[in-house]
Amino acid sequence: MNDKLRRVYVPMTETGFYILFCLRSEMHGYSIGQRVKEMTDGEVTISAGTMYGTLSKMEKDGLIRFSREEEKRKLYIITELGEEILSLEINRIKRLYKNIGGI
């Protein structure tokens, strides 16, 4: 991973984190949005513009890749680089949680 990508993605935005986290399984944009709503009890919603802009940027940067098309919907999956960046962010969040005493 190059330093530029690390600076761009770590720390991650909340929406970027959830999108990348969801793409550990093959999904399309709409299903990611629904899954994020479920995971956060409706506290986080991702607009279509944010979703598709983020997917496009992450694909261009090599964090995710187009997997296949299903019923005119593009499905994506995380790449090895995406896994690496997601792992950095998860470890950063764990450290934050540990430092506040596991509240």
C-alpha atoms as a PDB file:
ATOM      1  CA  MET A   1       0.000   0.000   0.000  1.00  0.00           C
ATOM      2  CA  ASN A   2       1.329   3.402  -0.835  1.00  0.00           C
ATOM      3  CA  ASP A   3       1.373   6.334   1.582  1.00  0.00           C
ATOM      4  CA  LYS A   4      -1.070   8.352  -0.526  1.00  0.00           C
ATOM      5  CA  LEU A   5      -3.806   5.726  -0.172  1.00  0.00           C
ATOM      6  CA  ARG A   6      -3.111   5.419   3.530  1.00  0.00           C
ATOM      7  CA  ARG A   7      -3.504   9.197   3.963  1.00  0.00           C
ATOM      8  CA  VAL A   8      -6.719   9.227   1.918  1.00  0.00           C
ATOM      9  CA  TYR A   9      -8.420   6.321   3.673  1.00  0.00           C
ATOM     10  CA  VAL A  10      -7.082   6.216   7.243  1.00  0.00           C
ATOM     11  CA  PRO A  11      -8.893   7.434   9.227  1.00  0.00           C
ATOM     12  CA  MET A  12     -11.952   6.553   7.202  1.00  0.00           C
ATOM     13  CA  THR A  13     -15.251   8.314   6.998  1.00  0.00           C
ATOM     14  CA  GLU A  14     -18.059   6.414   8.654  1.00  0.00           C
ATOM     15  CA  THR A  15     -19.794   5.795   5.340  1.00  0.00           C
ATOM     16  CA  GLY A  16     -16.554   4.666   3.694  1.00  0.00           C
ATOM     17  CA  PHE A  17     -15.941   2.264   6.565  1.00  0.00           C
ATOM     18  CA  TYR A  18     -19.396   0.712   6.336  1.00  0.00           C
ATOM     19  CA  ILE A  19     -19.230   0.366   2.556  1.00  0.00           C
ATOM     20  CA  LEU A  20     -15.853  -1.380   2.688  1.00  0.00           C
ATOM     21  CA  PHE A  21     -16.938  -3.481   5.684  1.00  0.00           C
ATOM     22  CA  CYS A  22     -20.052  -4.663   3.832  1.00  0.00           C
ATOM     23  CA  LEU A  23     -18.072  -5.568   0.730  1.00  0.00           C
ATOM     24  CA  ARG A  24     -16.368  -8.427   2.513  1.00  0.00           C
ATOM     25  CA  SER A  25     -19.323 -10.169   0.846  1.00  0.00           C
ATOM     26  CA  GLU A  26     -20.337  -9.490  -2.735  1.00  0.00           C
ATOM     27  CA  MET A  27     -23.013  -6.761  -2.799  1.00  0.00           C
ATOM     28  CA  HIS A  28     -24.500  -3.985  -4.905  1.00  0.00           C
ATOM     29  CA  GLY A  29     -25.005  -0.398  -3.788  1.00  0.00           C
ATOM     30  CA  TYR A  30     -28.650  -0.702  -2.777  1.00  0.00           C
ATOM     31  CA  SER A  31     -28.012  -3.807  -0.661  1.00  0.00           C
ATOM     32  CA  ILE A  32     -25.066  -2.080   1.035  1.00  0.00           C
ATOM     33  CA  GLY A  33     -27.344   0.823   1.976  1.00  0.00           C
ATOM     34  CA  GLN A  34     -29.955  -1.545   3.395  1.00  0.00           C
ATOM     35  CA  ARG A  35     -27.341  -3.518   5.336  1.00  0.00           C
ATOM     36  CA  VAL A  36     -25.850  -0.338   6.840  1.00  0.00           C
ATOM     37  CA  LYS A  37     -29.310   0.795   7.981  1.00  0.00           C
ATOM     38  CA  GLU A  38     -29.818  -2.602   9.664  1.00  0.00           C
ATOM     39  CA  MET A  39     -26.382  -2.608  11.286  1.00  0.00           C
ATOM     40  CA  THR A  40     -26.824   0.903  12.710  1.00  0.00           C
ATOM     41  CA  ASP A  41     -30.523   0.671  13.623  1.00  0.00           C
ATOM     42  CA  GLY A  42     -31.239   3.392  11.072  1.00  0.00           C
ATOM     43  CA  GLU A  43     -28.711   5.859  12.515  1.00  0.00           C
ATOM     44  CA  VAL A  44     -26.540   5.813   9.386  1.00  0.00           C
ATOM     45  CA  THR A  45     -28.049   6.157   5.940  1.00  0.00           C
ATOM     46  CA  ILE A  46     -26.011   6.512   2.793  1.00  0.00           C
ATOM     47  CA  SER A  47     -27.480   8.607  -0.010  1.00  0.00           C
ATOM     48  CA  ALA A  48     -27.285   7.300  -3.566  1.00  0.00           C
ATOM     49  CA  GLY A  49     -24.842  10.049  -4.556  1.00  0.00           C
ATOM     50  CA  THR A  50     -22.505   9.244  -1.673  1.00  0.00           C
ATOM     51  CA  MET A  51     -22.824   5.497  -2.254  1.00  0.00           C
ATOM     52  CA  TYR A  52     -22.040   5.507  -5.953  1.00  0.00           C
ATOM     53  CA  GLY A  53     -19.393   8.217  -5.700  1.00  0.00           C
ATOM     54  CA  THR A  54     -17.615   6.234  -2.966  1.00  0.00           C
ATOM     55  CA  LEU A  55     -17.920   2.936  -4.855  1.00  0.00           C
ATOM     56  CA  SER A  56     -16.455   4.594  -7.956  1.00  0.00           C
ATOM     57  CA  LYS A  57     -13.534   6.100  -6.025  1.00  0.00           C
ATOM     58  CA  MET A  58     -12.811   2.865  -4.138  1.00  0.00           C
ATOM     59  CA  GLU A  59     -12.877   0.892  -7.389  1.00  0.00           C
ATOM     60  CA  LYS A  60     -10.526   3.389  -9.068  1.00  0.00           C
ATOM     61  CA  ASP A  61      -8.166   3.195  -6.065  1.00  0.00           C
ATOM     62  CA  GLY A  62      -8.199  -0.622  -6.117  1.00  0.00           C
ATOM     63  CA  LEU A  63      -9.945  -1.194  -2.757  1.00  0.00           C
ATOM     64  CA  ILE A  64     -12.878  -2.958  -4.371  1.00  0.00           C
ATOM     65  CA  ARG A  65     -13.495  -4.531  -7.735  1.00  0.00           C
ATOM     66  CA  PHE A  66     -16.494  -5.070  -9.961  1.00  0.00           C
ATOM     67  CA  SER A  67     -17.509  -8.676  -9.568  1.00  0.00           C
ATOM     68  CA  ARG A  68     -20.471  -9.185 -11.881  1.00  0.00           C
ATOM     69  CA  GLU A  69     -23.794  -7.748 -12.947  1.00  0.00           C
ATOM     70  CA  GLU A  70     -27.103  -9.096 -11.725  1.00  0.00           C
ATOM     71  CA  GLU A  71     -30.435  -7.705 -12.942  1.00  0.00           C
ATOM     72  CA  LYS A  72     -28.706  -4.505 -14.147  1.00  0.00           C
ATOM     73  CA  ARG A  73     -27.033  -4.005 -10.743  1.00  0.00           C
ATOM     74  CA  LYS A  74     -23.254  -3.959 -10.433  1.00  0.00           C
ATOM     75  CA  LEU A  75     -21.936  -6.168  -7.653  1.00  0.00           C
ATOM     76  CA  TYR A  76     -18.619  -5.386  -5.969  1.00  0.00           C
ATOM     77  CA  ILE A  77     -16.264  -7.198  -3.614  1.00  0.00           C
ATOM     78  CA  ILE A  78     -13.342  -6.040  -1.496  1.00  0.00           C
ATOM     79  CA  THR A  79      -9.803  -6.602  -2.822  1.00  0.00           C
ATOM     80  CA  GLU A  80      -6.686  -7.578  -0.904  1.00  0.00           C
ATOM     81  CA  LEU A  81      -5.705  -3.900  -0.728  1.00  0.00           C
ATOM     82  CA  GLY A  82      -9.165  -3.047   0.569  1.00  0.00           C
ATOM     83  CA  GLU A  83      -8.833  -5.742   3.242  1.00  0.00           C
ATOM     84  CA  GLU A  84      -5.502  -4.249   4.275  1.00  0.00           C
ATOM     85  CA  ILE A  85      -6.946  -0.749   4.609  1.00  0.00           C
ATOM     86  CA  LEU A  86     -10.042  -2.052   6.412  1.00  0.00           C
ATOM     87  CA  SER A  87      -7.810  -3.912   8.851  1.00  0.00           C
ATOM     88  CA  LEU A  88      -5.835  -0.724   9.584  1.00  0.00           C
ATOM     89  CA  GLU A  89      -9.073   1.115  10.296  1.00  0.00           C
ATOM     90  CA  ILE A  90     -10.496  -1.657  12.499  1.00  0.00           C
ATOM     91  CA  ASN A  91      -7.270  -1.707  14.518  1.00  0.00           C
ATOM     92  CA  ARG A  92      -7.420   2.096  14.842  1.00  0.00           C
ATOM     93  CA  ILE A  93     -10.999   1.880  16.143  1.00  0.00           C
ATOM     94  CA  LYS A  94     -10.055  -0.897  18.593  1.00  0.00           C
ATOM     95  CA  ARG A  95      -7.204   1.246  19.902  1.00  0.00           C
ATOM     96  CA  LEU A  96      -9.568   4.187  20.404  1.00  0.00           C
ATOM     97  CA  TYR A  97     -12.034   1.960  22.225  1.00  0.00           C
ATOM     98  CA  LYS A  98      -9.274   0.531  24.429  1.00  0.00           C
ATOM     99  CA  ASN A  99      -7.966   4.003  25.254  1.00  0.00           C
ATOM    100  CA  ILE A 100     -11.351   5.175  26.506  1.00  0.00           C
ATOM    101  CA  GLY A 101     -11.549   2.217  28.844  1.00  0.00           C
ATOM    102  CA  GLY A 102     -13.966   0.066  26.880  1.00  0.00           C
ATOM    103  CA  ILE A 103     -16.946   2.257  27.732  1.00  0.00           C
END
